[in-house]
Amino acid sequence: MNSLFATERLKALLGFPFRDPKAGQKFLIGSLLSFAQFIIPILPGIVILGYMSQVLRRVTQGSGEATMPEWDNWGELFMDGLKVFGAIFVYSLPMILIVSALYFFMFAPLVAIPFLAEGNGDMAGPAVIFMLVTQLFMFLVIAVMMVVYIVYIILLPPMMAHTAAKNEFGAAFQIGKWWKIFRANFSGFVAALIIMIGVYSVMIFGIQILYMTVVLCFLIPLIMAPVGFYIRLIMFALLGEVYRAGNDKVTPTEAVAEIAA
């Protein structure tokens, strides 16, 4: 865990996008795609996700150094991104269902109470009972959502890293394999999660400051496009590092076990 916070390691990680001879061209394309996300939903994001998957694989394979791939095979980038996007969507379904239930219990009284109270002239009787029951379920759903969300943000990085590293949609559901890697480098994944939360918190704080101004708020898409692309580059390179470290710990152990068997 400490190695990720080492000054030299962080400097190398933060500076890798700028060491590429074609950094300006590659960064410009990525920034334009990031800006396109404000106009076209989903599709540009999937291509960017595919690009990030290739960045991660360059860390998990070969020399382990993070580099920026070329923007040359758009079909491959889309398919790589689609695999990771599909995995994230499937694992997000519990949260989507819980949030849907929360909205149901929030707005159900607004729709149902006028009908229940019709004819009585007030909110007494069934209307009040219905409102209390829905409020109780709403608080229960919020409690469940908090627990599920904590589990989600902890387990999403190793699942996503494994899917991108293997470049297979089915790899997301090889829970036994990516769980071993997660456990083998638990401190590394925790460190990566802390860094991710910190970086995104700073980004959100910056957006809030821009929103407080009249002029700069219109520049948010233009500012967020390159900043968001850069942050994703760093996050996926970081995920690649902790995944590789965990995989290196697991692989020798499994090899010894196979020999012993």
Protein backbone atom coordinates (compact mmCIF):
# COMPACT_ATOMS: atom_id res chain seq x y z
CA MET A 1 0.00 0.00 0.00
CA ASN A 2 2.80 2.40 0.90
CA SER A 3 4.46 1.96 -2.51
CA LEU A 4 1.47 3.58 -4.21
CA PHE A 5 1.81 6.64 -2.00
CA ALA A 6 5.58 6.94 -2.57
CA THR A 7 6.45 10.31 -4.10
CA GLU A 8 8.43 8.90 -7.03
CA ARG A 9 5.77 6.30 -7.82
CA LEU A 10 2.99 8.88 -7.80
CA LYS A 11 5.05 11.26 -9.97
CA ALA A 12 5.64 8.49 -12.52
CA LEU A 13 1.96 7.56 -12.51
CA LEU A 14 0.69 11.12 -12.83
CA GLY A 15 3.15 11.97 -15.58
CA PHE A 16 2.92 8.93 -17.84
CA PRO A 17 0.39 10.48 -20.29
CA PHE A 18 2.84 13.28 -21.07
CA ARG A 19 5.85 11.07 -21.79
CA ASP A 20 4.37 9.76 -25.03
CA PRO A 21 5.83 11.39 -28.18
CA LYS A 22 2.28 11.70 -29.55
CA ALA A 23 0.78 12.71 -26.20
CA GLY A 24 -0.77 15.91 -27.58
CA GLN A 25 -2.57 14.18 -30.44
CA LYS A 26 -3.78 11.25 -28.32
CA PHE A 27 -4.88 13.53 -25.50
CA LEU A 28 -6.77 15.79 -27.92
CA ILE A 29 -8.74 12.87 -29.37
CA GLY A 30 -9.58 11.59 -25.91
CA SER A 31 -10.65 15.06 -24.79
CA LEU A 32 -12.89 15.49 -27.85
CA LEU A 33 -14.55 12.15 -27.15
CA SER A 34 -15.02 13.17 -23.52
CA PHE A 35 -16.64 16.40 -24.67
CA ALA A 36 -18.87 14.42 -27.05
CA GLN A 37 -20.31 12.62 -24.01
CA PHE A 38 -22.10 15.87 -23.11
CA ILE A 39 -23.89 15.70 -26.48
CA ILE A 40 -24.10 12.00 -27.44
CA PRO A 41 -25.02 9.56 -24.65
CA ILE A 42 -23.21 6.27 -23.99
CA LEU A 43 -21.40 5.66 -27.32
CA PRO A 44 -18.36 7.96 -26.81
CA GLY A 45 -18.10 6.69 -23.23
CA ILE A 46 -17.90 3.08 -24.42
CA VAL A 47 -15.06 3.93 -26.82
CA ILE A 48 -13.19 5.77 -24.05
CA LEU A 49 -13.75 2.80 -21.74
CA GLY A 50 -12.23 0.54 -24.40
CA TYR A 51 -9.22 2.85 -24.62
CA MET A 52 -8.81 2.74 -20.83
CA SER A 53 -9.03 -1.04 -20.91
CA GLN A 54 -6.09 -1.11 -23.30
CA VAL A 55 -4.15 1.23 -21.00
CA LEU A 56 -4.81 -1.17 -18.13
CA ARG A 57 -3.70 -4.20 -20.16
CA ARG A 58 -0.43 -2.48 -21.04
CA VAL A 59 0.24 -2.30 -17.31
CA THR A 60 -0.84 -5.86 -16.51
CA GLN A 61 1.12 -7.34 -19.41
CA GLY A 62 4.68 -6.95 -20.64
CA SER A 63 6.98 -4.53 -18.81
CA GLY A 64 4.16 -3.17 -16.67
CA GLU A 65 4.69 0.42 -17.78
CA ALA A 66 1.62 2.56 -18.42
CA THR A 67 1.48 3.95 -21.96
CA MET A 68 -1.18 5.47 -24.20
CA PRO A 69 -2.25 3.28 -27.15
CA GLU A 70 -3.01 4.62 -30.60
CA TRP A 71 -6.50 5.72 -31.60
CA ASP A 72 -6.38 3.55 -34.70
CA ASN A 73 -8.76 0.58 -34.35
CA TRP A 74 -12.10 2.11 -33.42
CA GLY A 75 -14.04 -1.12 -33.76
CA GLU A 76 -11.71 -2.87 -31.34
CA LEU A 77 -11.88 0.04 -28.91
CA PHE A 78 -15.69 -0.08 -29.00
CA MET A 79 -15.84 -3.85 -28.42
CA ASP A 80 -13.29 -3.69 -25.60
CA GLY A 81 -15.28 -0.92 -23.96
CA LEU A 82 -18.58 -2.72 -24.50
CA LYS A 83 -17.33 -5.73 -22.51
CA VAL A 84 -16.39 -3.61 -19.51
CA PHE A 85 -19.50 -1.45 -19.83
CA GLY A 86 -21.73 -4.54 -19.91
CA ALA A 87 -20.01 -5.96 -16.83
CA ILE A 88 -20.43 -2.68 -14.93
CA PHE A 89 -24.09 -2.52 -15.94
CA VAL A 90 -24.82 -6.06 -14.72
CA TYR A 91 -23.12 -5.43 -11.39
CA SER A 92 -24.99 -2.12 -11.10
CA LEU A 93 -28.41 -3.76 -11.44
CA PRO A 94 -28.90 -4.23 -7.66
CA MET A 95 -28.22 -0.51 -7.12
CA ILE A 96 -30.54 0.41 -10.00
CA LEU A 97 -33.35 -1.71 -8.52
CA ILE A 98 -32.81 -0.27 -5.04
CA VAL A 99 -32.84 3.32 -6.31
CA SER A 100 -35.99 2.55 -8.33
CA ALA A 101 -37.64 1.19 -5.17
CA LEU A 102 -36.57 4.32 -3.28
CA TYR A 103 -38.18 6.59 -5.87
CA PHE A 104 -41.34 4.46 -5.75
CA PHE A 105 -41.71 4.85 -2.00
CA MET A 106 -40.91 8.57 -2.26
CA PHE A 107 -43.56 9.39 -4.86
CA ALA A 108 -46.19 6.70 -4.22
CA PRO A 109 -47.87 8.71 -1.42
CA LEU A 110 -48.15 11.78 -3.67
CA VAL A 111 -50.10 9.73 -6.19
CA ALA A 112 -52.08 7.40 -3.93
CA ILE A 113 -53.06 9.61 -0.97
CA PRO A 114 -55.44 11.89 -2.91
CA PHE A 115 -57.40 8.80 -4.04
CA LEU A 116 -57.38 7.25 -0.57
CA ALA A 117 -58.50 10.50 1.02
CA GLU A 118 -61.20 11.13 -1.57
CA GLY A 119 -64.59 11.34 0.02
CA ASN A 120 -63.21 11.81 3.55
CA GLY A 121 -62.23 15.45 3.14
CA ASP A 122 -59.00 14.99 5.09
CA MET A 123 -55.89 12.79 5.30
CA ALA A 124 -57.19 10.54 8.06
CA GLY A 125 -57.67 6.79 7.97
CA PRO A 126 -56.14 4.69 5.18
CA ALA A 127 -54.29 7.64 3.68
CA VAL A 128 -52.27 8.27 6.86
CA ILE A 129 -51.52 4.58 7.31
CA PHE A 130 -50.39 4.27 3.72
CA MET A 131 -48.13 7.30 4.09
CA LEU A 132 -46.51 5.96 7.28
CA VAL A 133 -45.94 2.52 5.75
CA THR A 134 -44.33 3.95 2.62
CA GLN A 135 -42.12 6.23 4.71
CA LEU A 136 -41.00 3.26 6.81
CA PHE A 137 -40.13 1.23 3.70
CA MET A 138 -38.32 4.25 2.25
CA PHE A 139 -36.00 4.44 5.26
CA LEU A 140 -35.41 0.68 5.10
CA VAL A 141 -34.51 0.97 1.42
CA ILE A 142 -32.07 3.81 2.20
CA ALA A 143 -30.37 1.65 4.85
CA VAL A 144 -30.05 -1.28 2.43
CA MET A 145 -28.82 1.05 -0.32
CA MET A 146 -26.01 2.37 1.88
CA VAL A 147 -24.76 -1.15 2.65
CA VAL A 148 -25.02 -2.30 -0.98
CA TYR A 149 -23.27 0.85 -2.21
CA ILE A 150 -20.29 0.32 0.11
CA VAL A 151 -19.94 -3.26 -1.12
CA TYR A 152 -20.35 -2.04 -4.70
CA ILE A 153 -17.58 0.57 -4.63
CA ILE A 154 -15.19 -1.90 -2.94
CA LEU A 155 -15.76 -4.81 -5.32
CA LEU A 156 -16.23 -2.88 -8.58
CA PRO A 157 -12.51 -2.01 -9.11
CA PRO A 158 -11.16 -5.61 -8.95
CA MET A 159 -14.03 -6.90 -11.09
CA MET A 160 -13.55 -4.15 -13.65
CA ALA A 161 -9.76 -4.62 -13.68
CA HIS A 162 -10.12 -8.39 -14.20
CA THR A 163 -12.61 -7.89 -17.05
CA ALA A 164 -10.34 -5.37 -18.77
CA ALA A 165 -7.18 -7.42 -18.18
CA LYS A 166 -8.70 -10.59 -19.66
CA ASN A 167 -10.63 -8.63 -22.31
CA GLU A 168 -13.60 -10.96 -21.85
CA PHE A 169 -17.13 -10.10 -20.72
CA GLY A 170 -17.38 -13.46 -18.96
CA ALA A 171 -14.29 -12.63 -16.88
CA ALA A 172 -16.48 -10.32 -14.80
CA PHE A 173 -18.28 -13.36 -13.45
CA GLN A 174 -15.13 -15.35 -12.65
CA ILE A 175 -15.61 -14.19 -9.10
CA GLY A 176 -13.34 -16.84 -7.63
CA LYS A 177 -10.42 -15.67 -9.77
CA TRP A 178 -10.66 -11.91 -9.30
CA TRP A 179 -11.54 -12.36 -5.63
CA LYS A 180 -8.22 -14.16 -5.07
CA ILE A 181 -6.37 -11.29 -6.74
CA PHE A 182 -8.31 -8.78 -4.67
CA ARG A 183 -7.48 -10.61 -1.43
CA ALA A 184 -3.83 -11.06 -2.39
CA ASN A 185 -3.35 -7.30 -2.80
CA PHE A 186 -6.12 -6.01 -0.56
CA SER A 187 -4.04 -3.11 0.77
CA GLY A 188 -3.15 -2.08 -2.79
CA PHE A 189 -6.79 -2.00 -3.88
CA VAL A 190 -7.70 -0.04 -0.74
CA ALA A 191 -4.94 2.48 -1.50
CA ALA A 192 -6.16 2.77 -5.09
CA LEU A 193 -9.73 3.30 -3.87
CA ILE A 194 -8.59 6.04 -1.47
CA ILE A 195 -6.72 7.80 -4.27
CA MET A 196 -9.72 7.49 -6.62
CA ILE A 197 -12.15 8.89 -4.04
CA GLY A 198 -9.73 11.73 -3.27
CA VAL A 199 -9.24 12.68 -6.92
CA TYR A 200 -12.96 12.57 -7.73
CA SER A 201 -13.75 14.59 -4.58
CA VAL A 202 -11.37 17.32 -5.73
CA MET A 203 -12.94 17.23 -9.20
CA ILE A 204 -16.48 17.55 -7.79
CA PHE A 205 -15.35 20.41 -5.54
CA GLY A 206 -13.90 22.18 -8.58
CA ILE A 207 -17.16 21.72 -10.51
CA GLN A 208 -19.12 23.21 -7.61
CA ILE A 209 -16.87 26.27 -7.61
CA LEU A 210 -17.43 26.71 -11.35
CA TYR A 211 -21.18 26.39 -10.88
CA MET A 212 -21.10 29.29 -8.43
CA THR A 213 -19.90 31.65 -11.15
CA VAL A 214 -22.00 33.07 -13.96
CA VAL A 215 -19.41 32.95 -16.74
CA LEU A 216 -17.24 29.95 -15.85
CA CYS A 217 -20.21 27.59 -15.42
CA PHE A 218 -20.62 27.62 -19.21
CA LEU A 219 -17.02 26.41 -19.54
CA ILE A 220 -17.58 23.29 -17.43
CA PRO A 221 -17.88 20.89 -20.42
CA LEU A 222 -14.74 22.34 -22.02
CA ILE A 223 -12.78 22.08 -18.78
CA MET A 224 -14.15 18.73 -17.67
CA ALA A 225 -13.44 17.00 -21.00
CA PRO A 226 -9.61 17.02 -20.77
CA VAL A 227 -9.58 16.83 -16.97
CA GLY A 228 -11.96 13.85 -16.95
CA PHE A 229 -9.97 12.05 -19.63
CA TYR A 230 -6.71 12.59 -17.73
CA ILE A 231 -8.23 11.33 -14.46
CA ARG A 232 -9.50 8.17 -16.16
CA LEU A 233 -6.06 7.52 -17.63
CA ILE A 234 -4.51 7.72 -14.17
CA MET A 235 -7.23 5.63 -12.52
CA PHE A 236 -7.00 2.76 -15.01
CA ALA A 237 -3.20 2.77 -14.93
CA LEU A 238 -3.42 2.64 -11.14
CA LEU A 239 -5.92 -0.23 -11.29
CA GLY A 240 -3.59 -2.05 -13.65
CA GLU A 241 -0.74 -1.74 -11.17
CA VAL A 242 -2.63 -3.08 -8.15
CA TYR A 243 -4.22 -5.83 -10.25
CA ARG A 244 -0.82 -6.92 -11.58
CA ALA A 245 0.67 -6.93 -8.07
CA GLY A 246 -2.20 -9.09 -6.79
CA ASN A 247 -2.02 -11.44 -9.76
CA ASP A 248 1.75 -11.87 -9.29
CA LYS A 249 1.08 -12.97 -5.71
CA VAL A 250 -1.65 -15.42 -6.70
CA THR A 251 0.02 -17.03 -9.74
CA PRO A 252 3.06 -18.61 -7.98
CA THR A 253 0.79 -20.00 -5.26
CA GLU A 254 -1.49 -21.66 -7.80
CA ALA A 255 1.48 -23.06 -9.70
CA VAL A 256 2.84 -24.68 -6.53
CA ALA A 257 -0.57 -26.11 -5.75
CA GLU A 258 -0.83 -27.67 -9.21
CA ILE A 259 2.64 -29.26 -8.85
CA ALA A 260 1.76 -30.63 -5.43
CA ALA A 261 -1.45 -32.13 -6.83
